[in-house]
Amino acid sequence: MVGVVRRDDRRGGGIDRDVAGRLTGGPTVAGRIRGAAGGDGGEGVTRRHDGTLHVSRREVLTLGAGTFLGVVTSWRRVTLQAPDSLPGSGPSGRLWDPARAGRPLPPVTAADNDAAIQGIEKQIHCTCGCNQDVYTCRTTDFTCTTSPAMHRRVVALAQAGKSGQQILDEFVHEHGLAILMAPPKRGFNLIGYLVPPVAFLVAAAVLTLVLRRWVRAAPAAVAATASGGPDATPEELARLRRELERLSS
């Protein structure tokens, strides 16, 4: 339909229509469309005889609220179910790794609580980037997969009959001196171990000497002040003497 001009006269309650064209064929646009909330004879979205849609305010609010809740629910579902980029490396750690689903954690062995093994691990720097030793990392960060692997490496070397120093040398050979939590006490590294205590002893000795000089100088200054006479001119002394005589008479 083309060229439809409609005028709504609210006072008379009627609707005038001036048709400037005609239908090209087919059914007319007049009819009634049942709404989603209504059925036959129910209240719903209807189309008037003049081709306009009639929607109540309650239906508009209901549709808007339903659409908003649907969008929020979909967004929360996508946000909560989004997996990590790499299994075992995201904030949830191994929980998102499908390969670990239904598998129990490895059991605790005697080597996990062995004091000698723990002492060795406390000297080895974990390479996961946490800036902690292997023992601290594997017992506090349960999402780290690097420290357990290094722990198994230490246990394997210990079971092979290697001593603690030999195990440390093995890690240094593989990763360099940066793998140690503290540099070895030999060569140029001795400066780092000797300079701090020597500097502390020198500073303590200097402070002791300065305090002793201050203590000795204080009594001498007090004695010099007490032995000296009054700091006054002869005229002031004579005036003081006259005032004392006047008060005593």
C-alpha atoms as a PDB file:
ATOM      1  CA  MET A   1       0.000   0.000   0.000  1.00  0.00           C
ATOM      2  CA  VAL A   2       1.379   3.452  -0.877  1.00  0.00           C
ATOM      3  CA  GLY A   3       0.324   6.942  -0.018  1.00  0.00           C
ATOM      4  CA  VAL A   4      -1.604   6.244   3.191  1.00  0.00           C
ATOM      5  CA  VAL A   5      -2.328   9.346   5.245  1.00  0.00           C
ATOM      6  CA  ARG A   6      -3.932   8.803   8.652  1.00  0.00           C
ATOM      7  CA  ARG A   7      -5.408  11.370  11.031  1.00  0.00           C
ATOM      8  CA  ASP A   8      -6.324  10.436  14.583  1.00  0.00           C
ATOM      9  CA  ASP A   9      -9.228  12.477  15.923  1.00  0.00           C
ATOM     10  CA  ARG A  10      -9.266  11.844  19.671  1.00  0.00           C
ATOM     11  CA  ARG A  11     -12.312  14.020  20.365  1.00  0.00           C
ATOM     12  CA  GLY A  12     -14.619  12.208  18.015  1.00  0.00           C
ATOM     13  CA  GLY A  13     -13.007   8.885  18.669  1.00  0.00           C
ATOM     14  CA  GLY A  14     -12.879   8.116  14.914  1.00  0.00           C
ATOM     15  CA  ILE A  15     -10.026   7.681  12.466  1.00  0.00           C
ATOM     16  CA  ASP A  16     -10.148   9.167   8.991  1.00  0.00           C
ATOM     17  CA  ARG A  17      -8.062   7.742   6.224  1.00  0.00           C
ATOM     18  CA  ASP A  18      -7.331   9.193   2.825  1.00  0.00           C
ATOM     19  CA  VAL A  19      -6.059   6.621   0.450  1.00  0.00           C
ATOM     20  CA  ALA A  20      -3.935   8.075  -2.354  1.00  0.00           C
ATOM     21  CA  GLY A  21      -3.214   4.727  -4.015  1.00  0.00           C
ATOM     22  CA  ARG A  22      -4.610   1.266  -4.213  1.00  0.00           C
ATOM     23  CA  LEU A  23      -3.551  -2.259  -3.459  1.00  0.00           C
ATOM     24  CA  THR A  24      -1.572  -4.121  -6.064  1.00  0.00           C
ATOM     25  CA  GLY A  25      -3.139  -7.434  -5.077  1.00  0.00           C
ATOM     26  CA  GLY A  26      -3.241  -9.998  -2.336  1.00  0.00           C
ATOM     27  CA  PRO A  27      -4.898  -9.775   1.058  1.00  0.00           C
ATOM     28  CA  THR A  28      -5.441  -6.452   2.760  1.00  0.00           C
ATOM     29  CA  VAL A  29      -3.350  -5.327   5.738  1.00  0.00           C
ATOM     30  CA  ALA A  30      -6.402  -5.154   7.939  1.00  0.00           C
ATOM     31  CA  GLY A  31      -6.422  -8.007  10.420  1.00  0.00           C
ATOM     32  CA  ARG A  32      -5.599  -9.020  13.866  1.00  0.00           C
ATOM     33  CA  ILE A  33      -2.398 -10.635  15.109  1.00  0.00           C
ATOM     34  CA  ARG A  34      -2.519 -12.630  18.257  1.00  0.00           C
ATOM     35  CA  GLY A  35       0.148 -11.609  20.790  1.00  0.00           C
ATOM     36  CA  ALA A  36       2.681 -13.820  22.409  1.00  0.00           C
ATOM     37  CA  ALA A  37       0.956 -13.521  25.773  1.00  0.00           C
ATOM     38  CA  GLY A  38      -2.573 -13.961  24.465  1.00  0.00           C
ATOM     39  CA  GLY A  39      -4.446 -16.558  22.489  1.00  0.00           C
ATOM     40  CA  ASP A  40      -7.894 -16.511  21.044  1.00  0.00           C
ATOM     41  CA  GLY A  41      -9.682 -13.735  22.821  1.00  0.00           C
ATOM     42  CA  GLY A  42      -6.682 -13.111  25.139  1.00  0.00           C
ATOM     43  CA  GLU A  43      -4.860  -9.845  25.642  1.00  0.00           C
ATOM     44  CA  GLY A  44      -1.813  -9.631  23.412  1.00  0.00           C
ATOM     45  CA  VAL A  45      -0.198  -7.642  20.638  1.00  0.00           C
ATOM     46  CA  THR A  46      -2.945  -6.775  18.129  1.00  0.00           C
ATOM     47  CA  ARG A  47      -3.101  -4.948  14.850  1.00  0.00           C
ATOM     48  CA  ARG A  48      -5.900  -2.484  14.409  1.00  0.00           C
ATOM     49  CA  HIS A  49      -8.114  -2.212  11.359  1.00  0.00           C
ATOM     50  CA  ASP A  50      -6.008   0.759  10.238  1.00  0.00           C
ATOM     51  CA  GLY A  51      -2.785  -1.307  10.113  1.00  0.00           C
ATOM     52  CA  THR A  52      -1.169   0.003  13.350  1.00  0.00           C
ATOM     53  CA  LEU A  53       0.183  -2.236  16.152  1.00  0.00           C
ATOM     54  CA  HIS A  54      -1.151  -1.832  19.671  1.00  0.00           C
ATOM     55  CA  VAL A  55       1.188  -2.905  22.533  1.00  0.00           C
ATOM     56  CA  SER A  56       0.385  -2.229  26.178  1.00  0.00           C
ATOM     57  CA  ARG A  57       2.921  -0.689  28.516  1.00  0.00           C
ATOM     58  CA  ARG A  58       3.079  -3.815  30.659  1.00  0.00           C
ATOM     59  CA  GLU A  59       3.990  -5.935  27.641  1.00  0.00           C
ATOM     60  CA  VAL A  60       6.777  -3.521  26.669  1.00  0.00           C
ATOM     61  CA  LEU A  61       8.258  -3.644  30.192  1.00  0.00           C
ATOM     62  CA  THR A  62       7.951  -7.447  30.294  1.00  0.00           C
ATOM     63  CA  LEU A  63       9.717  -7.887  26.952  1.00  0.00           C
ATOM     64  CA  GLY A  64      12.463  -5.419  27.941  1.00  0.00           C
ATOM     65  CA  ALA A  65      13.103  -7.120  31.283  1.00  0.00           C
ATOM     66  CA  GLY A  66      13.175 -10.573  29.668  1.00  0.00           C
ATOM     67  CA  THR A  67      15.653  -9.423  27.039  1.00  0.00           C
ATOM     68  CA  PHE A  68      17.921  -7.829  29.664  1.00  0.00           C
ATOM     69  CA  LEU A  69      17.921 -10.946  31.860  1.00  0.00           C
ATOM     70  CA  GLY A  70      18.669 -13.140  28.857  1.00  0.00           C
ATOM     71  CA  VAL A  71      21.674 -11.020  27.868  1.00  0.00           C
ATOM     72  CA  VAL A  72      23.041 -10.959  31.436  1.00  0.00           C
ATOM     73  CA  THR A  73      22.626 -14.730  31.837  1.00  0.00           C
ATOM     74  CA  SER A  74      24.369 -15.449  28.542  1.00  0.00           C
ATOM     75  CA  TRP A  75      27.253 -13.115  29.392  1.00  0.00           C
ATOM     76  CA  ARG A  76      27.784 -14.703  32.827  1.00  0.00           C
ATOM     77  CA  ARG A  77      27.721 -18.187  31.318  1.00  0.00           C
ATOM     78  CA  VAL A  78      30.359 -17.268  28.744  1.00  0.00           C
ATOM     79  CA  THR A  79      32.539 -15.529  31.358  1.00  0.00           C
ATOM     80  CA  LEU A  80      32.430 -18.352  33.911  1.00  0.00           C
ATOM     81  CA  GLN A  81      32.951 -21.186  31.450  1.00  0.00           C
ATOM     82  CA  ALA A  82      35.796 -19.616  29.454  1.00  0.00           C
ATOM     83  CA  PRO A  83      38.807 -21.968  29.853  1.00  0.00           C
ATOM     84  CA  ASP A  84      42.391 -20.885  30.274  1.00  0.00           C
ATOM     85  CA  SER A  85      44.558 -20.390  27.225  1.00  0.00           C
ATOM     86  CA  LEU A  86      46.913 -23.190  28.286  1.00  0.00           C
ATOM     87  CA  PRO A  87      46.037 -26.042  30.670  1.00  0.00           C
ATOM     88  CA  GLY A  88      47.686 -25.621  34.032  1.00  0.00           C
ATOM     89  CA  SER A  89      49.038 -22.122  33.316  1.00  0.00           C
ATOM     90  CA  GLY A  90      46.037 -19.873  33.997  1.00  0.00           C
ATOM     91  CA  PRO A  91      44.680 -18.484  37.292  1.00  0.00           C
ATOM     92  CA  SER A  92      42.807 -21.717  37.999  1.00  0.00           C
ATOM     93  CA  GLY A  93      45.840 -23.873  37.290  1.00  0.00           C
ATOM     94  CA  ARG A  94      45.357 -27.566  36.749  1.00  0.00           C
ATOM     95  CA  LEU A  95      41.595 -27.416  37.309  1.00  0.00           C
ATOM     96  CA  TRP A  96      41.097 -26.589  33.628  1.00  0.00           C
ATOM     97  CA  ASP A  97      43.373 -29.357  32.368  1.00  0.00           C
ATOM     98  CA  PRO A  98      41.097 -32.042  30.865  1.00  0.00           C
ATOM     99  CA  ALA A  99      43.866 -34.625  31.145  1.00  0.00           C
ATOM    100  CA  ARG A 100      43.743 -34.372  34.952  1.00  0.00           C
ATOM    101  CA  ALA A 101      39.983 -34.789  35.262  1.00  0.00           C
ATOM    102  CA  GLY A 102      39.188 -37.676  37.606  1.00  0.00           C
ATOM    103  CA  ARG A 103      42.825 -38.441  38.347  1.00  0.00           C
ATOM    104  CA  PRO A 104      44.039 -38.330  41.970  1.00  0.00           C
ATOM    105  CA  LEU A 105      47.051 -36.266  42.939  1.00  0.00           C
ATOM    106  CA  PRO A 106      50.334 -38.125  43.368  1.00  0.00           C
ATOM    107  CA  PRO A 107      50.646 -39.617  46.870  1.00  0.00           C
ATOM    108  CA  VAL A 108      52.978 -38.143  49.456  1.00  0.00           C
ATOM    109  CA  THR A 109      56.193 -40.126  49.735  1.00  0.00           C
ATOM    110  CA  ALA A 110      58.896 -40.256  52.371  1.00  0.00           C
ATOM    111  CA  ALA A 111      61.169 -38.142  50.166  1.00  0.00           C
ATOM    112  CA  ASP A 112      58.667 -35.268  50.258  1.00  0.00           C
ATOM    113  CA  ASN A 113      59.288 -34.812  53.986  1.00  0.00           C
ATOM    114  CA  ASP A 114      62.945 -35.846  54.058  1.00  0.00           C
ATOM    115  CA  ALA A 115      65.013 -33.181  55.856  1.00  0.00           C
ATOM    116  CA  ALA A 116      68.040 -33.726  53.606  1.00  0.00           C
ATOM    117  CA  ILE A 117      65.934 -33.335  50.445  1.00  0.00           C
ATOM    118  CA  GLN A 118      64.295 -30.216  51.850  1.00  0.00           C
ATOM    119  CA  GLY A 119      67.686 -28.725  52.717  1.00  0.00           C
ATOM    120  CA  ILE A 120      68.884 -29.225  49.146  1.00  0.00           C
ATOM    121  CA  GLU A 121      65.693 -27.799  47.646  1.00  0.00           C
ATOM    122  CA  LYS A 122      65.957 -24.676  49.804  1.00  0.00           C
ATOM    123  CA  GLN A 123      69.257 -23.890  48.071  1.00  0.00           C
ATOM    124  CA  ILE A 124      67.847 -24.248  44.536  1.00  0.00           C
ATOM    125  CA  HIS A 125      66.001 -21.409  42.821  1.00  0.00           C
ATOM    126  CA  CYS A 126      62.677 -22.399  41.225  1.00  0.00           C
ATOM    127  CA  THR A 127      62.609 -21.570  37.517  1.00  0.00           C
ATOM    128  CA  CYS A 128      58.864 -20.847  37.320  1.00  0.00           C
ATOM    129  CA  GLY A 129      59.470 -17.143  37.956  1.00  0.00           C
ATOM    130  CA  CYS A 130      58.188 -17.008  41.544  1.00  0.00           C
ATOM    131  CA  ASN A 131      61.618 -15.949  42.929  1.00  0.00           C
ATOM    132  CA  GLN A 132      61.412 -18.634  45.641  1.00  0.00           C
ATOM    133  CA  ASP A 133      63.286 -21.830  46.349  1.00  0.00           C
ATOM    134  CA  VAL A 134      61.955 -25.180  45.161  1.00  0.00           C
ATOM    135  CA  TYR A 135      60.756 -26.317  48.589  1.00  0.00           C
ATOM    136  CA  THR A 136      58.805 -23.120  49.341  1.00  0.00           C
ATOM    137  CA  CYS A 137      57.251 -23.037  45.884  1.00  0.00           C
ATOM    138  CA  ARG A 138      56.077 -26.646  45.848  1.00  0.00           C
ATOM    139  CA  THR A 139      54.609 -26.427  49.359  1.00  0.00           C
ATOM    140  CA  THR A 140      52.787 -23.091  48.910  1.00  0.00           C
ATOM    141  CA  ASP A 141      51.901 -22.731  45.215  1.00  0.00           C
ATOM    142  CA  PHE A 142      49.913 -25.863  44.344  1.00  0.00           C
ATOM    143  CA  THR A 143      49.265 -24.649  40.779  1.00  0.00           C
ATOM    144  CA  CYS A 144      52.960 -24.640  39.879  1.00  0.00           C
ATOM    145  CA  THR A 145      54.130 -27.576  37.783  1.00  0.00           C
ATOM    146  CA  THR A 146      57.818 -26.578  37.706  1.00  0.00           C
ATOM    147  CA  SER A 147      58.740 -27.054  41.372  1.00  0.00           C
ATOM    148  CA  PRO A 148      57.282 -30.613  41.566  1.00  0.00           C
ATOM    149  CA  ALA A 149      59.315 -31.570  38.503  1.00  0.00           C
ATOM    150  CA  MET A 150      62.480 -30.121  40.060  1.00  0.00           C
ATOM    151  CA  HIS A 151      61.644 -31.933  43.308  1.00  0.00           C
ATOM    152  CA  ARG A 152      61.412 -35.233  41.453  1.00  0.00           C
ATOM    153  CA  ARG A 153      64.762 -34.444  39.838  1.00  0.00           C
ATOM    154  CA  VAL A 154      66.374 -33.899  43.251  1.00  0.00           C
ATOM    155  CA  VAL A 155      64.853 -37.118  44.599  1.00  0.00           C
ATOM    156  CA  ALA A 156      66.068 -39.082  41.579  1.00  0.00           C
ATOM    157  CA  LEU A 157      69.630 -37.774  41.986  1.00  0.00           C
ATOM    158  CA  ALA A 158      69.566 -38.547  45.721  1.00  0.00           C
ATOM    159  CA  GLN A 159      68.323 -42.074  45.076  1.00  0.00           C
ATOM    160  CA  ALA A 160      71.126 -42.474  42.534  1.00  0.00           C
ATOM    161  CA  GLY A 161      73.615 -42.067  45.391  1.00  0.00           C
ATOM    162  CA  LYS A 162      74.696 -38.450  44.817  1.00  0.00           C
ATOM    163  CA  SER A 163      75.474 -36.213  47.776  1.00  0.00           C
ATOM    164  CA  GLY A 164      73.923 -32.835  48.419  1.00  0.00           C
ATOM    165  CA  GLN A 165      76.848 -30.920  46.899  1.00  0.00           C
ATOM    166  CA  GLN A 166      76.867 -33.193  43.857  1.00  0.00           C
ATOM    167  CA  ILE A 167      73.150 -32.541  43.333  1.00  0.00           C
ATOM    168  CA  LEU A 168      73.751 -28.782  43.524  1.00  0.00           C
ATOM    169  CA  ASP A 169      76.644 -29.089  41.082  1.00  0.00           C
ATOM    170  CA  GLU A 170      74.370 -30.988  38.706  1.00  0.00           C
ATOM    171  CA  PHE A 171      71.809 -28.175  38.728  1.00  0.00           C
ATOM    172  CA  VAL A 172      74.551 -25.558  38.298  1.00  0.00           C
ATOM    173  CA  HIS A 173      75.887 -27.495  35.314  1.00  0.00           C
ATOM    174  CA  GLU A 174      72.416 -27.476  33.733  1.00  0.00           C
ATOM    175  CA  HIS A 175      71.219 -23.952  34.610  1.00  0.00           C
ATOM    176  CA  GLY A 176      74.267 -21.966  35.719  1.00  0.00           C
ATOM    177  CA  LEU A 177      75.018 -20.237  39.021  1.00  0.00           C
ATOM    178  CA  ALA A 178      71.715 -18.342  38.823  1.00  0.00           C
ATOM    179  CA  ILE A 179      69.933 -21.546  39.893  1.00  0.00           C
ATOM    180  CA  LEU A 180      71.393 -21.195  43.413  1.00  0.00           C
ATOM    181  CA  MET A 181      69.635 -19.090  46.013  1.00  0.00           C
ATOM    182  CA  ALA A 182      73.049 -17.866  47.259  1.00  0.00           C
ATOM    183  CA  PRO A 183      76.389 -17.781  45.391  1.00  0.00           C
ATOM    184  CA  PRO A 184      79.041 -20.330  46.449  1.00  0.00           C
ATOM    185  CA  LYS A 185      81.540 -19.237  49.105  1.00  0.00           C
ATOM    186  CA  ARG A 186      84.642 -19.227  46.958  1.00  0.00           C
ATOM    187  CA  GLY A 187      86.622 -16.912  44.711  1.00  0.00           C
ATOM    188  CA  PHE A 188      85.271 -13.442  44.124  1.00  0.00           C
ATOM    189  CA  ASN A 189      82.030 -14.371  45.881  1.00  0.00           C
ATOM    190  CA  LEU A 190      83.859 -14.269  49.218  1.00  0.00           C
ATOM    191  CA  ILE A 191      83.773 -10.471  49.052  1.00  0.00           C
ATOM    192  CA  GLY A 192      80.015 -10.552  49.387  1.00  0.00           C
ATOM    193  CA  TYR A 193      80.312 -12.705  52.512  1.00  0.00           C
ATOM    194  CA  LEU A 194      83.237 -10.854  54.166  1.00  0.00           C
ATOM    195  CA  VAL A 195      82.572  -7.184  53.429  1.00  0.00           C
ATOM    196  CA  PRO A 196      79.255  -6.815  55.331  1.00  0.00           C
ATOM    197  CA  PRO A 197      80.523  -8.202  58.697  1.00  0.00           C
ATOM    198  CA  VAL A 198      83.844  -6.342  58.424  1.00  0.00           C
ATOM    199  CA  ALA A 199      82.043  -3.078  57.653  1.00  0.00           C
ATOM    200  CA  PHE A 200      79.749  -3.657  60.626  1.00  0.00           C
ATOM    201  CA  LEU A 201      82.690  -4.234  62.989  1.00  0.00           C
ATOM    202  CA  VAL A 202      84.523  -1.119  61.754  1.00  0.00           C
ATOM    203  CA  ALA A 203      81.419   1.038  62.172  1.00  0.00           C
ATOM    204  CA  ALA A 204      80.880  -0.314  65.702  1.00  0.00           C
ATOM    205  CA  ALA A 205      84.509   0.432  66.662  1.00  0.00           C
ATOM    206  CA  VAL A 206      84.350   4.002  65.319  1.00  0.00           C
ATOM    207  CA  LEU A 207      81.078   4.662  67.130  1.00  0.00           C
ATOM    208  CA  THR A 208      82.545   3.343  70.395  1.00  0.00           C
ATOM    209  CA  LEU A 209      85.586   5.655  70.157  1.00  0.00           C
ATOM    210  CA  VAL A 210      83.425   8.690  69.411  1.00  0.00           C
ATOM    211  CA  LEU A 211      81.141   8.002  72.363  1.00  0.00           C
ATOM    212  CA  ARG A 212      84.094   7.596  74.723  1.00  0.00           C
ATOM    213  CA  ARG A 213      85.544  10.953  73.655  1.00  0.00           C
ATOM    214  CA  TRP A 214      82.206  12.650  74.242  1.00  0.00           C
ATOM    215  CA  VAL A 215      81.932  11.119  77.715  1.00  0.00           C
ATOM    216  CA  ARG A 216      85.465  12.245  78.683  1.00  0.00           C
ATOM    217  CA  ALA A 217      85.025  15.772  77.341  1.00  0.00           C
ATOM    218  CA  ALA A 218      81.775  16.436  79.209  1.00  0.00           C
ATOM    219  CA  PRO A 219      83.160  16.387  82.849  1.00  0.00           C
ATOM    220  CA  ALA A 220      86.156  18.586  81.868  1.00  0.00           C
ATOM    221  CA  ALA A 221      83.857  21.261  80.476  1.00  0.00           C
ATOM    222  CA  VAL A 222      81.714  21.184  83.627  1.00  0.00           C
ATOM    223  CA  ALA A 223      84.798  21.513  85.890  1.00  0.00           C
ATOM    224  CA  ALA A 224      86.135  24.477  83.901  1.00  0.00           C
ATOM    225  CA  THR A 225      82.819  26.274  84.202  1.00  0.00           C
ATOM    226  CA  ALA A 226      82.631  25.689  87.970  1.00  0.00           C
ATOM    227  CA  SER A 227      86.235  26.838  88.706  1.00  0.00           C
ATOM    228  CA  GLY A 228      85.912  30.147  86.842  1.00  0.00           C
ATOM    229  CA  GLY A 229      84.670  33.317  88.587  1.00  0.00           C
ATOM    230  CA  PRO A 230      81.500  35.200  87.784  1.00  0.00           C
ATOM    231  CA  ASP A 231      81.452  36.735  84.365  1.00  0.00           C
ATOM    232  CA  ALA A 232      80.806  40.384  85.467  1.00  0.00           C
ATOM    233  CA  THR A 233      82.583  43.762  85.321  1.00  0.00           C
ATOM    234  CA  PRO A 234      83.896  45.537  88.460  1.00  0.00           C
ATOM    235  CA  GLU A 235      81.136  48.151  88.192  1.00  0.00           C
ATOM    236  CA  GLU A 236      78.465  45.423  88.161  1.00  0.00           C
ATOM    237  CA  LEU A 237      80.054  43.737  91.171  1.00  0.00           C
ATOM    238  CA  ALA A 238      80.149  47.018  93.112  1.00  0.00           C
ATOM    239  CA  ARG A 239      76.503  47.699  92.281  1.00  0.00           C
ATOM    240  CA  LEU A 240      75.562  44.205  93.416  1.00  0.00           C
ATOM    241  CA  ARG A 241      77.465  44.733  96.668  1.00  0.00           C
ATOM    242  CA  ARG A 242      75.634  48.010  97.365  1.00  0.00           C
ATOM    243  CA  GLU A 243      72.256  46.419  96.706  1.00  0.00           C
ATOM    244  CA  LEU A 244      73.020  43.598  99.109  1.00  0.00           C
ATOM    245  CA  GLU A 245      74.114  46.055 101.816  1.00  0.00           C
ATOM    246  CA  ARG A 246      70.937  48.099 101.340  1.00  0.00           C
ATOM    247  CA  LEU A 247      68.740  45.063 101.669  1.00  0.00           C
ATOM    248  CA  SER A 248      70.535  43.802 104.760  1.00  0.00           C
ATOM    249  CA  SER A 249      70.339  47.169 106.615  1.00  0.00           C
END
